[in-house]
Amino acid sequence: MTKKLEDLFNLEESKKKEPPPKKEVVKDHAEVRSLDDSYKAVAEITRDLPAIRELEEVDDRELDNLAVKAEQAYDDLMDLGMNVEVRYAGRIFEVAGTMMKNAIDAKAAKIDKRLKAVDLQLKKYKIDKDTPEEGDGVINGQGYVITDRNELLKKLSQKS
């Protein structure tokens, strides 16, 4: 029996299972420091960059809600698949897998949106840095300075 069936019929737990001890992931001190440094660097970059207002309108809560609903549907379908006949369980597990894929896609879309926002902020920062602020006539770039016809005639007359 599953936990949900026991709760539904108010039955005592038939077997008390102790959860297996959790393995702690021990990270190397250098790895932890480098992660902390990279998080600080990303926070510094995003703090210094100008904010893009259009991307703030898209709400992260929508994607979070979709992910939570898909995970809940996955859990429900897995419980149901364990409690039905074997011939019907295959299709239920297939749909449960689809729900988990939907949850992963929603979280991936949220991460992609954040990465695109940072990328756009970096591009905007670069464009703002490369454009002249006061219109002093100096344009950053590569090329040749070409003078007008009168300047060329003056230089030729001075040579001869």
N, C-alpha and C. Protein backbone atom coordinates (compact mmCIF):
# COMPACT_ATOMS: atom_id res chain seq x y z
N MET A 1 0.83 -1.19 0.00
CA MET A 1 0.00 0.00 0.00
C MET A 1 0.86 1.24 0.00
N THR A 2 0.30 2.26 -0.54
CA THR A 2 1.04 3.52 -0.57
C THR A 2 0.60 4.39 0.60
N LYS A 3 1.36 5.44 0.78
CA LYS A 3 1.08 6.37 1.88
C LYS A 3 -0.28 7.05 1.70
N LYS A 4 -0.62 7.37 0.46
CA LYS A 4 -1.90 8.05 0.22
C LYS A 4 -3.09 7.13 0.53
N LEU A 5 -2.97 5.86 0.18
CA LEU A 5 -4.06 4.92 0.49
C LEU A 5 -4.20 4.73 1.99
N GLU A 6 -3.07 4.66 2.69
CA GLU A 6 -3.12 4.53 4.14
C GLU A 6 -3.78 5.74 4.77
N ASP A 7 -3.45 6.91 4.26
CA ASP A 7 -4.08 8.13 4.78
C ASP A 7 -5.56 8.18 4.43
N LEU A 8 -5.92 7.73 3.23
CA LEU A 8 -7.30 7.77 2.78
C LEU A 8 -8.20 6.88 3.63
N PHE A 9 -7.74 5.67 3.93
CA PHE A 9 -8.55 4.73 4.69
C PHE A 9 -8.24 4.74 6.18
N ASN A 10 -7.43 5.68 6.62
CA ASN A 10 -7.05 5.82 8.03
C ASN A 10 -6.48 4.52 8.58
N LEU A 11 -5.59 3.90 7.87
CA LEU A 11 -4.96 2.65 8.30
C LEU A 11 -3.63 2.97 8.96
N GLU A 12 -3.24 2.06 9.85
CA GLU A 12 -1.93 2.22 10.45
C GLU A 12 -0.87 1.82 9.44
N GLU A 13 0.26 2.39 9.57
CA GLU A 13 1.32 2.05 8.65
C GLU A 13 1.74 0.60 8.88
N SER A 14 1.76 -0.19 7.81
CA SER A 14 2.06 -1.61 7.94
C SER A 14 3.53 -1.83 8.27
N LYS A 15 4.38 -1.11 7.65
CA LYS A 15 5.81 -1.24 7.90
C LYS A 15 6.38 0.16 8.06
N LYS A 16 7.11 0.33 9.10
CA LYS A 16 7.75 1.63 9.28
C LYS A 16 9.14 1.54 8.68
N LYS A 17 9.31 2.29 7.65
CA LYS A 17 10.60 2.31 6.98
C LYS A 17 11.34 3.56 7.40
N GLU A 18 12.58 3.35 7.75
CA GLU A 18 13.42 4.50 8.05
C GLU A 18 14.07 4.95 6.76
N PRO A 19 14.05 6.24 6.53
CA PRO A 19 14.69 6.71 5.30
C PRO A 19 16.18 6.43 5.35
N PRO A 20 16.76 6.11 4.21
CA PRO A 20 18.21 5.86 4.20
C PRO A 20 18.95 7.13 4.57
N PRO A 21 20.08 6.97 5.23
CA PRO A 21 20.83 8.18 5.61
C PRO A 21 21.27 8.94 4.38
N LYS A 22 21.14 10.24 4.47
CA LYS A 22 21.50 11.10 3.34
C LYS A 22 23.02 11.26 3.30
N LYS A 23 23.53 11.18 2.10
CA LYS A 23 24.96 11.38 1.91
C LYS A 23 25.22 12.86 1.75
N GLU A 24 26.16 13.34 2.51
CA GLU A 24 26.50 14.75 2.41
C GLU A 24 27.56 14.93 1.32
N VAL A 25 27.33 15.92 0.52
CA VAL A 25 28.30 16.22 -0.53
C VAL A 25 29.32 17.18 0.05
N VAL A 26 30.53 16.72 0.11
CA VAL A 26 31.60 17.55 0.66
C VAL A 26 32.33 18.18 -0.52
N LYS A 27 32.30 19.49 -0.55
CA LYS A 27 32.96 20.20 -1.63
C LYS A 27 34.34 20.65 -1.19
N ASP A 28 35.21 20.71 -2.13
CA ASP A 28 36.55 21.19 -1.89
C ASP A 28 36.48 22.68 -1.55
N HIS A 29 37.31 23.11 -0.63
CA HIS A 29 37.29 24.52 -0.22
C HIS A 29 37.58 25.45 -1.39
N ALA A 30 38.47 25.05 -2.25
CA ALA A 30 38.80 25.89 -3.41
C ALA A 30 37.59 25.99 -4.34
N GLU A 31 36.85 24.88 -4.48
CA GLU A 31 35.66 24.90 -5.35
C GLU A 31 34.60 25.82 -4.76
N VAL A 32 34.40 25.76 -3.46
CA VAL A 32 33.41 26.62 -2.81
C VAL A 32 33.80 28.08 -2.97
N ARG A 33 35.08 28.39 -2.80
CA ARG A 33 35.54 29.77 -2.95
C ARG A 33 35.35 30.26 -4.38
N SER A 34 35.67 29.40 -5.35
CA SER A 34 35.54 29.83 -6.74
C SER A 34 34.06 30.04 -7.10
N LEU A 35 33.17 29.21 -6.58
CA LEU A 35 31.74 29.41 -6.81
C LEU A 35 31.27 30.71 -6.19
N ASP A 36 31.71 30.97 -4.96
CA ASP A 36 31.32 32.22 -4.31
C ASP A 36 31.83 33.42 -5.09
N ASP A 37 33.06 33.33 -5.57
CA ASP A 37 33.62 34.44 -6.35
C ASP A 37 32.84 34.66 -7.64
N SER A 38 32.49 33.55 -8.31
CA SER A 38 31.74 33.71 -9.57
C SER A 38 30.35 34.26 -9.31
N TYR A 39 29.69 33.85 -8.23
CA TYR A 39 28.38 34.42 -7.90
C TYR A 39 28.50 35.92 -7.61
N LYS A 40 29.56 36.31 -6.91
CA LYS A 40 29.77 37.73 -6.63
C LYS A 40 30.01 38.50 -7.92
N ALA A 41 30.77 37.90 -8.84
CA ALA A 41 31.06 38.58 -10.11
C ALA A 41 29.78 38.76 -10.92
N VAL A 42 28.94 37.74 -10.97
CA VAL A 42 27.68 37.86 -11.71
C VAL A 42 26.78 38.90 -11.06
N ALA A 43 26.72 38.91 -9.73
CA ALA A 43 25.91 39.91 -9.04
C ALA A 43 26.43 41.32 -9.31
N GLU A 44 27.76 41.47 -9.36
CA GLU A 44 28.34 42.78 -9.66
C GLU A 44 27.99 43.26 -11.06
N ILE A 45 28.08 42.33 -12.02
CA ILE A 45 27.76 42.69 -13.41
C ILE A 45 26.31 43.10 -13.54
N THR A 46 25.41 42.33 -12.97
CA THR A 46 23.98 42.65 -13.11
C THR A 46 23.62 43.91 -12.34
N ARG A 47 24.33 44.21 -11.25
CA ARG A 47 24.04 45.42 -10.49
C ARG A 47 24.47 46.66 -11.28
N ASP A 48 25.63 46.57 -11.94
CA ASP A 48 26.17 47.73 -12.66
C ASP A 48 25.47 47.98 -13.99
N LEU A 49 24.88 46.96 -14.56
CA LEU A 49 24.25 47.12 -15.87
C LEU A 49 22.91 47.84 -15.74
N PRO A 50 22.56 48.61 -16.75
CA PRO A 50 21.25 49.27 -16.71
C PRO A 50 20.14 48.24 -16.87
N ALA A 51 19.07 48.45 -16.15
CA ALA A 51 17.96 47.50 -16.18
C ALA A 51 17.15 47.66 -17.46
N ILE A 52 16.65 46.55 -17.97
CA ILE A 52 15.78 46.56 -19.14
C ILE A 52 14.36 46.33 -18.63
N ARG A 53 13.53 47.32 -18.78
CA ARG A 53 12.19 47.29 -18.19
C ARG A 53 11.25 46.29 -18.87
N GLU A 54 11.42 46.03 -20.15
CA GLU A 54 10.48 45.17 -20.87
C GLU A 54 10.53 43.74 -20.33
N LEU A 55 11.71 43.29 -19.92
CA LEU A 55 11.83 41.92 -19.45
C LEU A 55 11.31 41.74 -18.04
N GLU A 56 11.19 42.83 -17.30
CA GLU A 56 10.66 42.71 -15.95
C GLU A 56 9.17 42.49 -15.94
N GLU A 57 8.51 42.76 -17.07
CA GLU A 57 7.06 42.58 -17.13
C GLU A 57 6.67 41.10 -17.14
N VAL A 58 7.55 40.25 -17.69
CA VAL A 58 7.27 38.82 -17.72
C VAL A 58 7.46 38.29 -16.30
N ASP A 59 6.46 37.64 -15.78
CA ASP A 59 6.48 37.23 -14.39
C ASP A 59 7.08 35.84 -14.23
N ASP A 60 8.02 35.70 -13.33
CA ASP A 60 8.63 34.40 -13.05
C ASP A 60 7.66 33.48 -12.32
N ARG A 61 6.71 34.06 -11.61
CA ARG A 61 5.78 33.23 -10.85
C ARG A 61 4.93 32.33 -11.74
N GLU A 62 4.65 32.79 -12.97
CA GLU A 62 3.88 31.96 -13.89
C GLU A 62 4.61 30.67 -14.21
N LEU A 63 5.90 30.78 -14.51
CA LEU A 63 6.68 29.59 -14.81
C LEU A 63 6.85 28.71 -13.58
N ASP A 64 7.00 29.34 -12.41
CA ASP A 64 7.09 28.55 -11.18
C ASP A 64 5.81 27.79 -10.91
N ASN A 65 4.66 28.46 -11.13
CA ASN A 65 3.38 27.79 -10.91
C ASN A 65 3.20 26.61 -11.86
N LEU A 66 3.59 26.79 -13.11
CA LEU A 66 3.49 25.68 -14.07
C LEU A 66 4.37 24.51 -13.64
N ALA A 67 5.56 24.80 -13.19
CA ALA A 67 6.46 23.73 -12.76
C ALA A 67 5.90 22.99 -11.54
N VAL A 68 5.35 23.73 -10.59
CA VAL A 68 4.80 23.11 -9.39
C VAL A 68 3.60 22.23 -9.74
N LYS A 69 2.72 22.74 -10.61
CA LYS A 69 1.56 21.95 -11.01
C LYS A 69 1.97 20.68 -11.75
N ALA A 70 2.98 20.78 -12.62
CA ALA A 70 3.44 19.61 -13.37
C ALA A 70 4.08 18.59 -12.43
N GLU A 71 4.83 19.05 -11.44
CA GLU A 71 5.43 18.12 -10.48
C GLU A 71 4.37 17.44 -9.63
N GLN A 72 3.34 18.18 -9.24
CA GLN A 72 2.25 17.59 -8.46
C GLN A 72 1.50 16.55 -9.30
N ALA A 73 1.25 16.86 -10.57
CA ALA A 73 0.58 15.90 -11.45
C ALA A 73 1.46 14.66 -11.63
N TYR A 74 2.76 14.84 -11.72
CA TYR A 74 3.67 13.70 -11.83
C TYR A 74 3.56 12.80 -10.61
N ASP A 75 3.60 13.42 -9.42
CA ASP A 75 3.50 12.62 -8.19
C ASP A 75 2.18 11.87 -8.12
N ASP A 76 1.08 12.54 -8.45
CA ASP A 76 -0.23 11.90 -8.42
C ASP A 76 -0.31 10.74 -9.40
N LEU A 77 0.21 10.95 -10.60
CA LEU A 77 0.17 9.89 -11.61
C LEU A 77 1.06 8.71 -11.24
N MET A 78 2.19 8.98 -10.62
CA MET A 78 3.06 7.88 -10.19
C MET A 78 2.36 7.05 -9.11
N ASP A 79 1.70 7.72 -8.16
CA ASP A 79 0.95 6.98 -7.14
C ASP A 79 -0.17 6.17 -7.76
N LEU A 80 -0.88 6.77 -8.70
CA LEU A 80 -1.97 6.06 -9.37
C LEU A 80 -1.44 4.87 -10.16
N GLY A 81 -0.32 5.05 -10.86
CA GLY A 81 0.26 3.97 -11.64
C GLY A 81 0.67 2.78 -10.80
N MET A 82 1.06 3.03 -9.56
CA MET A 82 1.45 1.94 -8.66
C MET A 82 0.23 1.17 -8.14
N ASN A 83 -0.96 1.77 -8.23
CA ASN A 83 -2.15 1.16 -7.64
C ASN A 83 -3.14 0.62 -8.66
N VAL A 84 -2.82 0.63 -9.93
CA VAL A 84 -3.73 0.10 -10.95
C VAL A 84 -3.16 -1.20 -11.49
N GLU A 85 -3.96 -1.85 -12.33
CA GLU A 85 -3.50 -3.09 -12.95
C GLU A 85 -2.30 -2.79 -13.85
N VAL A 86 -1.50 -3.82 -14.04
CA VAL A 86 -0.25 -3.66 -14.79
C VAL A 86 -0.51 -3.23 -16.22
N ARG A 87 -1.58 -3.72 -16.81
CA ARG A 87 -1.84 -3.40 -18.22
C ARG A 87 -2.17 -1.93 -18.44
N TYR A 88 -2.65 -1.24 -17.41
CA TYR A 88 -2.97 0.17 -17.53
C TYR A 88 -1.84 1.07 -17.01
N ALA A 89 -0.93 0.51 -16.26
CA ALA A 89 0.11 1.31 -15.61
C ALA A 89 1.08 1.93 -16.62
N GLY A 90 1.33 1.25 -17.72
CA GLY A 90 2.29 1.75 -18.69
C GLY A 90 1.92 3.12 -19.23
N ARG A 91 0.68 3.27 -19.63
CA ARG A 91 0.21 4.57 -20.17
C ARG A 91 0.23 5.65 -19.09
N ILE A 92 -0.11 5.30 -17.87
CA ILE A 92 -0.10 6.28 -16.78
C ILE A 92 1.31 6.75 -16.51
N PHE A 93 2.27 5.81 -16.52
CA PHE A 93 3.67 6.21 -16.30
C PHE A 93 4.19 7.06 -17.46
N GLU A 94 3.72 6.78 -18.64
CA GLU A 94 4.12 7.59 -19.81
C GLU A 94 3.64 9.03 -19.66
N VAL A 95 2.40 9.19 -19.22
CA VAL A 95 1.86 10.54 -19.01
C VAL A 95 2.58 11.21 -17.85
N ALA A 96 2.94 10.44 -16.82
CA ALA A 96 3.69 11.01 -15.70
C ALA A 96 5.05 11.52 -16.17
N GLY A 97 5.68 10.77 -17.05
CA GLY A 97 6.96 11.23 -17.60
C GLY A 97 6.80 12.52 -18.39
N THR A 98 5.68 12.64 -19.11
CA THR A 98 5.41 13.87 -19.85
C THR A 98 5.24 15.05 -18.90
N MET A 99 4.58 14.81 -17.78
CA MET A 99 4.40 15.89 -16.79
C MET A 99 5.75 16.33 -16.22
N MET A 100 6.64 15.38 -15.97
CA MET A 100 7.96 15.74 -15.45
C MET A 100 8.73 16.53 -16.50
N LYS A 101 8.59 16.16 -17.77
CA LYS A 101 9.25 16.90 -18.84
C LYS A 101 8.72 18.33 -18.90
N ASN A 102 7.41 18.50 -18.69
CA ASN A 102 6.83 19.84 -18.68
C ASN A 102 7.39 20.68 -17.54
N ALA A 103 7.57 20.06 -16.38
CA ALA A 103 8.14 20.79 -15.24
C ALA A 103 9.57 21.23 -15.54
N ILE A 104 10.34 20.33 -16.13
CA ILE A 104 11.72 20.66 -16.46
C ILE A 104 11.78 21.76 -17.52
N ASP A 105 10.89 21.69 -18.50
CA ASP A 105 10.85 22.71 -19.55
C ASP A 105 10.51 24.08 -18.98
N ALA A 106 9.57 24.12 -18.02
CA ALA A 106 9.20 25.40 -17.41
C ALA A 106 10.38 26.00 -16.65
N LYS A 107 11.11 25.17 -15.94
CA LYS A 107 12.28 25.70 -15.21
C LYS A 107 13.39 26.12 -16.16
N ALA A 108 13.56 25.37 -17.24
CA ALA A 108 14.58 25.73 -18.22
C ALA A 108 14.22 27.04 -18.92
N ALA A 109 12.93 27.25 -19.19
CA ALA A 109 12.51 28.50 -19.82
C ALA A 109 12.78 29.69 -18.90
N LYS A 110 12.60 29.49 -17.62
CA LYS A 110 12.88 30.57 -16.66
C LYS A 110 14.37 30.91 -16.65
N ILE A 111 15.21 29.89 -16.67
CA ILE A 111 16.65 30.12 -16.68
C ILE A 111 17.07 30.79 -17.99
N ASP A 112 16.51 30.34 -19.11
CA ASP A 112 16.83 30.95 -20.41
C ASP A 112 16.43 32.41 -20.44
N LYS A 113 15.28 32.73 -19.85
CA LYS A 113 14.82 34.11 -19.82
C LYS A 113 15.80 34.99 -19.05
N ARG A 114 16.29 34.47 -17.94
CA ARG A 114 17.26 35.25 -17.15
C ARG A 114 18.56 35.44 -17.92
N LEU A 115 19.02 34.38 -18.58
CA LEU A 115 20.26 34.50 -19.35
C LEU A 115 20.12 35.48 -20.50
N LYS A 116 18.97 35.47 -21.16
CA LYS A 116 18.74 36.42 -22.25
C LYS A 116 18.69 37.85 -21.73
N ALA A 117 18.13 38.03 -20.54
CA ALA A 117 18.08 39.36 -19.95
C ALA A 117 19.48 39.88 -19.67
N VAL A 118 20.34 39.03 -19.13
CA VAL A 118 21.72 39.44 -18.85
C VAL A 118 22.45 39.72 -20.15
N ASP A 119 22.22 38.88 -21.17
CA ASP A 119 22.86 39.08 -22.47
C ASP A 119 22.43 40.42 -23.08
N LEU A 120 21.14 40.73 -23.02
CA LEU A 120 20.66 42.01 -23.55
C LEU A 120 21.23 43.19 -22.77
N GLN A 121 21.35 43.02 -21.45
CA GLN A 121 21.92 44.09 -20.65
C GLN A 121 23.38 44.33 -21.03
N LEU A 122 24.12 43.24 -21.27
CA LEU A 122 25.52 43.39 -21.67
C LEU A 122 25.63 44.07 -23.03
N LYS A 123 24.77 43.70 -23.97
CA LYS A 123 24.79 44.33 -25.30
C LYS A 123 24.44 45.80 -25.21
N LYS A 124 23.44 46.15 -24.39
CA LYS A 124 23.05 47.54 -24.22
C LYS A 124 24.19 48.34 -23.58
N TYR A 125 24.85 47.75 -22.61
CA TYR A 125 25.97 48.41 -21.96
C TYR A 125 27.09 48.67 -22.96
N LYS A 126 27.38 47.70 -23.83
CA LYS A 126 28.43 47.86 -24.83
C LYS A 126 28.06 48.96 -25.83
N ILE A 127 26.82 48.99 -26.26
CA ILE A 127 26.39 50.02 -27.20
C ILE A 127 26.46 51.40 -26.55
N ASP A 128 26.00 51.50 -25.30
CA ASP A 128 26.07 52.78 -24.59
C ASP A 128 27.51 53.24 -24.40
N LYS A 129 28.41 52.29 -24.18
CA LYS A 129 29.81 52.64 -23.98
C LYS A 129 30.47 53.09 -25.28
N ASP A 130 30.09 52.47 -26.39
CA ASP A 130 30.71 52.80 -27.67
C ASP A 130 30.16 54.06 -28.32
N THR A 131 28.97 54.48 -28.00
CA THR A 131 28.40 55.68 -28.62
C THR A 131 28.88 56.92 -27.88
N PRO A 132 29.16 57.99 -28.61
CA PRO A 132 29.60 59.22 -27.94
C PRO A 132 28.43 59.86 -27.20
N GLU A 133 28.74 60.39 -26.01
CA GLU A 133 27.68 60.97 -25.19
C GLU A 133 27.32 62.40 -25.63
N GLU A 134 28.34 63.21 -25.89
CA GLU A 134 28.08 64.62 -26.13
C GLU A 134 28.08 64.98 -27.60
N GLY A 135 28.25 64.05 -28.46
CA GLY A 135 28.25 64.36 -29.88
C GLY A 135 29.45 65.20 -30.29
N ASP A 136 30.65 64.86 -29.78
CA ASP A 136 31.85 65.64 -30.07
C ASP A 136 32.41 65.37 -31.46
N GLY A 137 31.74 64.55 -32.24
CA GLY A 137 32.17 64.31 -33.61
C GLY A 137 33.13 63.15 -33.75
N VAL A 138 33.64 62.61 -32.67
CA VAL A 138 34.56 61.48 -32.73
C VAL A 138 33.74 60.20 -32.71
N ILE A 139 33.97 59.37 -33.70
CA ILE A 139 33.25 58.11 -33.80
C ILE A 139 34.27 57.00 -33.65
N ASN A 140 34.04 56.11 -32.71
CA ASN A 140 34.94 54.98 -32.51
C ASN A 140 34.76 53.99 -33.66
N GLY A 141 35.86 53.56 -34.22
CA GLY A 141 35.78 52.60 -35.31
C GLY A 141 37.08 52.56 -36.08
N GLN A 142 37.09 51.79 -37.15
CA GLN A 142 38.27 51.67 -37.97
C GLN A 142 37.99 52.34 -39.31
N GLY A 143 39.04 52.84 -39.95
CA GLY A 143 38.87 53.46 -41.25
C GLY A 143 39.92 54.53 -41.47
N TYR A 144 39.73 55.31 -42.50
CA TYR A 144 40.67 56.35 -42.87
C TYR A 144 40.00 57.71 -42.73
N VAL A 145 40.83 58.69 -42.41
CA VAL A 145 40.33 60.05 -42.34
C VAL A 145 40.48 60.66 -43.74
N ILE A 146 39.43 61.10 -44.30
CA ILE A 146 39.44 61.68 -45.64
C ILE A 146 39.15 63.17 -45.52
N THR A 147 40.02 63.95 -46.11
CA THR A 147 39.80 65.39 -46.06
C THR A 147 39.06 65.83 -47.32
N ASP A 148 38.61 67.04 -47.31
CA ASP A 148 37.87 67.52 -48.49
C ASP A 148 38.85 67.98 -49.58
N ARG A 149 38.32 68.37 -50.70
CA ARG A 149 39.11 68.72 -51.89
C ARG A 149 40.00 69.93 -51.65
N ASN A 150 39.48 70.91 -50.95
CA ASN A 150 40.25 72.14 -50.70
C ASN A 150 41.50 71.86 -49.86
N GLU A 151 41.37 71.01 -48.86
CA GLU A 151 42.52 70.67 -48.02
C GLU A 151 43.59 69.96 -48.84
N LEU A 152 43.18 69.06 -49.72
CA LEU A 152 44.14 68.37 -50.57
C LEU A 152 44.87 69.34 -51.50
N LEU A 153 44.15 70.32 -52.09
CA LEU A 153 44.78 71.30 -52.98
C LEU A 153 45.79 72.17 -52.22
N LYS A 154 45.47 72.53 -50.98
CA LYS A 154 46.41 73.33 -50.17
C LYS A 154 47.69 72.55 -49.92
N LYS A 155 47.55 71.26 -49.57
CA LYS A 155 48.73 70.45 -49.31
C LYS A 155 49.58 70.27 -50.57
N LEU A 156 48.93 70.08 -51.71
CA LEU A 156 49.69 69.91 -52.96
C LEU A 156 50.39 71.21 -53.36
N SER A 157 49.73 72.33 -53.12
CA SER A 157 50.35 73.62 -53.46
C SER A 157 51.55 73.91 -52.55
N GLN A 158 51.51 73.49 -51.32
CA GLN A 158 52.62 73.72 -50.41
C GLN A 158 53.82 72.85 -50.79
N LYS A 159 53.56 71.65 -51.31
CA LYS A 159 54.66 70.77 -51.69
C LYS A 159 55.41 71.29 -52.91
N SER A 160 54.68 71.84 -53.82
CA SER A 160 55.32 72.29 -55.06
C SER A 160 55.73 73.73 -54.88
